[in-house]
Amino acid sequence: MRRTTRYPVEKTNSLWQIYKTVPFFKVVKNFIVIQVARYTPFLGMKNWLYRTFLRMQVGQQTAFALMVMPDVMFPEKITIGSNSVIGYNTTILAHEYLIREYRIGEVIIGDNVLIGANSTILPGVTIGDGAIVSAGTLIHKDVPEGAFVGGNPMKLIYTKEEMEKREIDVLK
């Protein structure tokens, strides 16, 4: 189960009420910073932009590939540990605007996590330390520490223990 806070709306769908939920100039600033970071090839500069202007928590040696799209409305709700890799064109959402409500939830990505290209992370999920997420995965629930997951809908492929056994078998 994702951990999100739900906010009901009346009359029009929640997206029409966006600037009642987040200031317009915050969205403009975030959009500009994210677009600069999406195209820059300098990993250290991306992390600095995210930490300084978006208030994201980004660990040391974390690498964002080209075209990664952090949440434009609530990037401060994203935490990523150290030495993780966020694959090409991955989207990390901390909000979702629906017809009758909008939801906001923290996204926590642990240390030494690999997120494959073109994945989408929904609000309110935690991805445990050492987890591996296959390319093109929709992360709609928590990922256990050390697990290998993939697909749409996301499924557990190998547990931490199975991954450790596979590594031992490869070394033999």
C-alpha atoms as a PDB file:
ATOM      1  CA  MET A   1       0.000   0.000   0.000  1.00  0.00           C
ATOM      2  CA  ARG A   2       1.370   3.386  -0.964  1.00  0.00           C
ATOM      3  CA  ARG A   3       1.584   6.031   1.755  1.00  0.00           C
ATOM      4  CA  THR A   4      -0.106   9.134   0.386  1.00  0.00           C
ATOM      5  CA  THR A   5      -2.158  11.899   1.907  1.00  0.00           C
ATOM      6  CA  ARG A   6      -5.459  12.387   0.106  1.00  0.00           C
ATOM      7  CA  TYR A   7      -7.041  15.794  -0.468  1.00  0.00           C
ATOM      8  CA  PRO A   8     -10.630  15.808  -1.817  1.00  0.00           C
ATOM      9  CA  VAL A   9     -11.722  18.508  -4.273  1.00  0.00           C
ATOM     10  CA  GLU A  10     -15.110  19.789  -5.358  1.00  0.00           C
ATOM     11  CA  LYS A  11     -16.503  21.042  -8.675  1.00  0.00           C
ATOM     12  CA  THR A  12     -13.754  20.553 -11.304  1.00  0.00           C
ATOM     13  CA  ASN A  13     -11.068  17.876 -11.381  1.00  0.00           C
ATOM     14  CA  SER A  14      -8.056  18.448  -9.150  1.00  0.00           C
ATOM     15  CA  LEU A  15      -5.690  19.441 -11.946  1.00  0.00           C
ATOM     16  CA  TRP A  16      -7.839  22.495 -12.710  1.00  0.00           C
ATOM     17  CA  GLN A  17      -7.184  23.524  -9.101  1.00  0.00           C
ATOM     18  CA  ILE A  18      -3.427  23.035  -9.278  1.00  0.00           C
ATOM     19  CA  TYR A  19      -2.409  26.542  -8.212  1.00  0.00           C
ATOM     20  CA  LYS A  20      -4.523  26.248  -5.081  1.00  0.00           C
ATOM     21  CA  THR A  21      -2.247  23.349  -4.093  1.00  0.00           C
ATOM     22  CA  VAL A  22       1.170  24.615  -5.200  1.00  0.00           C
ATOM     23  CA  PRO A  23       2.368  28.165  -5.999  1.00  0.00           C
ATOM     24  CA  PHE A  24       2.676  29.011  -9.697  1.00  0.00           C
ATOM     25  CA  PHE A  25       6.198  30.473  -9.389  1.00  0.00           C
ATOM     26  CA  LYS A  26       7.424  27.384  -7.518  1.00  0.00           C
ATOM     27  CA  VAL A  27       6.286  25.235 -10.459  1.00  0.00           C
ATOM     28  CA  VAL A  28       7.957  27.562 -12.986  1.00  0.00           C
ATOM     29  CA  LYS A  29      11.261  27.576 -11.052  1.00  0.00           C
ATOM     30  CA  ASN A  30      11.183  23.795 -10.573  1.00  0.00           C
ATOM     31  CA  PHE A  31      10.393  23.217 -14.246  1.00  0.00           C
ATOM     32  CA  ILE A  32      13.359  25.335 -15.382  1.00  0.00           C
ATOM     33  CA  VAL A  33      15.779  23.650 -12.947  1.00  0.00           C
ATOM     34  CA  ILE A  34      14.577  20.176 -13.933  1.00  0.00           C
ATOM     35  CA  GLN A  35      14.876  20.909 -17.661  1.00  0.00           C
ATOM     36  CA  VAL A  36      18.461  22.157 -17.221  1.00  0.00           C
ATOM     37  CA  ALA A  37      19.334  19.073 -15.141  1.00  0.00           C
ATOM     38  CA  ARG A  38      17.665  16.661 -17.572  1.00  0.00           C
ATOM     39  CA  TYR A  39      20.033  17.689 -20.358  1.00  0.00           C
ATOM     40  CA  THR A  40      23.284  18.314 -18.504  1.00  0.00           C
ATOM     41  CA  PRO A  41      25.868  15.527 -18.745  1.00  0.00           C
ATOM     42  CA  PHE A  42      27.530  16.568 -15.464  1.00  0.00           C
ATOM     43  CA  LEU A  43      26.367  14.283 -12.640  1.00  0.00           C
ATOM     44  CA  GLY A  44      27.705  16.476  -9.846  1.00  0.00           C
ATOM     45  CA  MET A  45      25.956  19.518 -11.296  1.00  0.00           C
ATOM     46  CA  LYS A  46      22.625  17.644 -11.468  1.00  0.00           C
ATOM     47  CA  ASN A  47      22.882  16.645  -7.812  1.00  0.00           C
ATOM     48  CA  TRP A  48      23.781  20.209  -6.832  1.00  0.00           C
ATOM     49  CA  LEU A  49      20.809  21.617  -8.771  1.00  0.00           C
ATOM     50  CA  TYR A  50      18.418  19.120  -7.181  1.00  0.00           C
ATOM     51  CA  ARG A  51      19.734  19.688  -3.647  1.00  0.00           C
ATOM     52  CA  THR A  52      20.043  23.482  -3.895  1.00  0.00           C
ATOM     53  CA  PHE A  53      16.987  24.555  -5.855  1.00  0.00           C
ATOM     54  CA  LEU A  54      14.520  21.681  -5.430  1.00  0.00           C
ATOM     55  CA  ARG A  55      15.376  20.697  -1.826  1.00  0.00           C
ATOM     56  CA  MET A  56      15.610  17.029  -2.806  1.00  0.00           C
ATOM     57  CA  GLN A  57      17.642  14.798  -0.519  1.00  0.00           C
ATOM     58  CA  VAL A  58      20.290  13.240  -2.782  1.00  0.00           C
ATOM     59  CA  GLY A  59      23.089  11.047  -1.428  1.00  0.00           C
ATOM     60  CA  GLN A  60      26.729  11.136  -2.450  1.00  0.00           C
ATOM     61  CA  GLN A  61      27.698   9.531  -5.769  1.00  0.00           C
ATOM     62  CA  THR A  62      24.071   9.107  -6.836  1.00  0.00           C
ATOM     63  CA  ALA A  63      23.801   9.287 -10.623  1.00  0.00           C
ATOM     64  CA  PHE A  64      20.824  10.595 -12.575  1.00  0.00           C
ATOM     65  CA  ALA A  65      20.956   9.573 -16.236  1.00  0.00           C
ATOM     66  CA  LEU A  66      19.872  11.902 -19.010  1.00  0.00           C
ATOM     67  CA  MET A  67      16.194  12.860 -19.150  1.00  0.00           C
ATOM     68  CA  VAL A  68      15.248  11.803 -15.586  1.00  0.00           C
ATOM     69  CA  MET A  69      12.084  13.683 -14.574  1.00  0.00           C
ATOM     70  CA  PRO A  70      11.676  14.364 -10.836  1.00  0.00           C
ATOM     71  CA  ASP A  71       8.319  15.611  -9.601  1.00  0.00           C
ATOM     72  CA  VAL A  72       7.760  19.232 -10.708  1.00  0.00           C
ATOM     73  CA  MET A  73       5.237  20.101  -7.982  1.00  0.00           C
ATOM     74  CA  PHE A  74       6.751  18.499  -4.873  1.00  0.00           C
ATOM     75  CA  PRO A  75      10.411  17.522  -5.508  1.00  0.00           C
ATOM     76  CA  GLU A  76      11.208  18.121  -1.832  1.00  0.00           C
ATOM     77  CA  LYS A  77       9.260  14.909  -1.095  1.00  0.00           C
ATOM     78  CA  ILE A  78      11.921  12.831  -2.917  1.00  0.00           C
ATOM     79  CA  THR A  79      14.814  11.230  -1.016  1.00  0.00           C
ATOM     80  CA  ILE A  80      17.504   9.187  -2.744  1.00  0.00           C
ATOM     81  CA  GLY A  81      20.360   7.469  -0.907  1.00  0.00           C
ATOM     82  CA  SER A  82      24.025   7.227  -1.825  1.00  0.00           C
ATOM     83  CA  ASN A  83      25.565   5.439  -4.797  1.00  0.00           C
ATOM     84  CA  SER A  84      22.241   4.841  -6.548  1.00  0.00           C
ATOM     85  CA  VAL A  85      21.584   5.008 -10.291  1.00  0.00           C
ATOM     86  CA  ILE A  86      18.375   6.452 -11.710  1.00  0.00           C
ATOM     87  CA  GLY A  87      18.070   5.265 -15.326  1.00  0.00           C
ATOM     88  CA  TYR A  88      17.396   7.211 -18.498  1.00  0.00           C
ATOM     89  CA  ASN A  89      13.985   8.871 -18.795  1.00  0.00           C
ATOM     90  CA  THR A  90      12.744   7.662 -15.401  1.00  0.00           C
ATOM     91  CA  THR A  91       9.891   9.650 -13.828  1.00  0.00           C
ATOM     92  CA  ILE A  92       9.694  10.081 -10.045  1.00  0.00           C
ATOM     93  CA  LEU A  93       6.268  11.316  -8.921  1.00  0.00           C
ATOM     94  CA  ALA A  94       5.435  12.636  -5.450  1.00  0.00           C
ATOM     95  CA  HIS A  95       1.920  13.713  -6.450  1.00  0.00           C
ATOM     96  CA  GLU A  96      -1.018  12.541  -8.503  1.00  0.00           C
ATOM     97  CA  TYR A  97      -3.966  14.677  -9.552  1.00  0.00           C
ATOM     98  CA  LEU A  98      -7.187  12.708 -10.006  1.00  0.00           C
ATOM     99  CA  ILE A  99     -10.807  13.600 -10.751  1.00  0.00           C
ATOM    100  CA  ARG A 100     -12.135  13.962  -7.192  1.00  0.00           C
ATOM    101  CA  GLU A 101      -8.903  14.273  -5.215  1.00  0.00           C
ATOM    102  CA  TYR A 102      -5.180  14.755  -5.361  1.00  0.00           C
ATOM    103  CA  ARG A 103      -2.606  12.756  -3.429  1.00  0.00           C
ATOM    104  CA  ILE A 104       0.860  13.593  -2.177  1.00  0.00           C
ATOM    105  CA  GLY A 105       3.369  11.087  -0.855  1.00  0.00           C
ATOM    106  CA  GLU A 106       7.071  10.823  -0.156  1.00  0.00           C
ATOM    107  CA  VAL A 107       9.282   8.723  -2.400  1.00  0.00           C
ATOM    108  CA  ILE A 108      12.234   7.128  -0.640  1.00  0.00           C
ATOM    109  CA  ILE A 109      14.925   5.391  -2.657  1.00  0.00           C
ATOM    110  CA  GLY A 110      17.658   3.687  -0.623  1.00  0.00           C
ATOM    111  CA  ASP A 111      21.411   3.331  -1.023  1.00  0.00           C
ATOM    112  CA  ASN A 112      22.939   1.288  -3.875  1.00  0.00           C
ATOM    113  CA  VAL A 113      19.661   1.092  -5.790  1.00  0.00           C
ATOM    114  CA  LEU A 114      19.501   0.616  -9.555  1.00  0.00           C
ATOM    115  CA  ILE A 115      16.410   1.939 -11.345  1.00  0.00           C
ATOM    116  CA  GLY A 116      16.267   0.825 -14.992  1.00  0.00           C
ATOM    117  CA  ALA A 117      15.515   3.200 -17.868  1.00  0.00           C
ATOM    118  CA  ASN A 118      11.980   4.388 -18.596  1.00  0.00           C
ATOM    119  CA  SER A 119      10.612   3.429 -15.185  1.00  0.00           C
ATOM    120  CA  THR A 120       7.886   5.345 -13.366  1.00  0.00           C
ATOM    121  CA  ILE A 121       7.864   5.651  -9.583  1.00  0.00           C
ATOM    122  CA  LEU A 122       4.492   6.544  -8.073  1.00  0.00           C
ATOM    123  CA  PRO A 123       4.074   8.645  -4.909  1.00  0.00           C
ATOM    124  CA  GLY A 124       4.254   7.053  -1.480  1.00  0.00           C
ATOM    125  CA  VAL A 125       6.643   4.187  -2.227  1.00  0.00           C
ATOM    126  CA  THR A 126       9.925   3.108  -0.672  1.00  0.00           C
ATOM    127  CA  ILE A 127      12.602   1.266  -2.620  1.00  0.00           C
ATOM    128  CA  GLY A 128      14.899  -0.561  -0.203  1.00  0.00           C
ATOM    129  CA  ASP A 129      18.707  -0.504  -0.126  1.00  0.00           C
ATOM    130  CA  GLY A 130      20.361  -2.595  -2.821  1.00  0.00           C
ATOM    131  CA  ALA A 131      17.180  -3.152  -4.823  1.00  0.00           C
ATOM    132  CA  ILE A 132      17.224  -3.501  -8.602  1.00  0.00           C
ATOM    133  CA  VAL A 133      14.295  -2.327 -10.716  1.00  0.00           C
ATOM    134  CA  SER A 134      14.098  -3.596 -14.296  1.00  0.00           C
ATOM    135  CA  ALA A 135      13.750  -1.106 -17.153  1.00  0.00           C
ATOM    136  CA  GLY A 136      10.221   0.010 -17.972  1.00  0.00           C
ATOM    137  CA  THR A 137       8.787  -0.857 -14.562  1.00  0.00           C
ATOM    138  CA  LEU A 138       5.825   0.886 -12.950  1.00  0.00           C
ATOM    139  CA  ILE A 139       6.774   1.025  -9.249  1.00  0.00           C
ATOM    140  CA  HIS A 140       3.354   1.128  -7.590  1.00  0.00           C
ATOM    141  CA  LYS A 141       4.271  -0.427  -4.232  1.00  0.00           C
ATOM    142  CA  ASP A 142       7.262  -0.778  -1.933  1.00  0.00           C
ATOM    143  CA  VAL A 143      10.307  -2.726  -3.142  1.00  0.00           C
ATOM    144  CA  PRO A 144      12.023  -4.831  -0.462  1.00  0.00           C
ATOM    145  CA  GLU A 145      15.705  -4.358   0.317  1.00  0.00           C
ATOM    146  CA  GLY A 146      17.947  -6.264  -2.090  1.00  0.00           C
ATOM    147  CA  ALA A 147      15.074  -7.466  -4.278  1.00  0.00           C
ATOM    148  CA  PHE A 148      14.942  -7.574  -8.062  1.00  0.00           C
ATOM    149  CA  VAL A 149      11.586  -6.399  -9.458  1.00  0.00           C
ATOM    150  CA  GLY A 150      10.204  -5.606 -12.875  1.00  0.00           C
ATOM    151  CA  GLY A 151       7.243  -5.343 -15.174  1.00  0.00           C
ATOM    152  CA  ASN A 152       3.936  -3.576 -15.448  1.00  0.00           C
ATOM    153  CA  PRO A 153       2.387  -4.279 -13.083  1.00  0.00           C
ATOM    154  CA  MET A 154       5.567  -4.616 -11.039  1.00  0.00           C
ATOM    155  CA  LYS A 155       6.288  -8.113  -9.765  1.00  0.00           C
ATOM    156  CA  LEU A 156       8.946  -9.573  -7.504  1.00  0.00           C
ATOM    157  CA  ILE A 157      11.416 -11.506  -9.674  1.00  0.00           C
ATOM    158  CA  TYR A 158      14.016 -12.434  -7.033  1.00  0.00           C
ATOM    159  CA  THR A 159      14.156 -11.849  -3.275  1.00  0.00           C
ATOM    160  CA  LYS A 160      17.307 -10.573  -1.585  1.00  0.00           C
ATOM    161  CA  GLU A 161      18.190 -14.135  -0.575  1.00  0.00           C
ATOM    162  CA  GLU A 162      17.691 -15.440  -4.124  1.00  0.00           C
ATOM    163  CA  MET A 163      19.827 -12.603  -5.496  1.00  0.00           C
ATOM    164  CA  GLU A 164      22.624 -13.425  -3.019  1.00  0.00           C
ATOM    165  CA  LYS A 165      22.471 -17.111  -4.012  1.00  0.00           C
ATOM    166  CA  ARG A 166      22.646 -16.179  -7.701  1.00  0.00           C
ATOM    167  CA  GLU A 167      25.765 -14.074  -7.030  1.00  0.00           C
ATOM    168  CA  ILE A 168      27.426 -16.962  -5.202  1.00  0.00           C
ATOM    169  CA  ASP A 169      26.551 -19.357  -8.062  1.00  0.00           C
ATOM    170  CA  VAL A 170      28.069 -16.945 -10.607  1.00  0.00           C
ATOM    171  CA  LEU A 171      31.315 -16.766  -8.625  1.00  0.00           C
ATOM    172  CA  LYS A 172      31.714 -20.581  -8.637  1.00  0.00           C
END
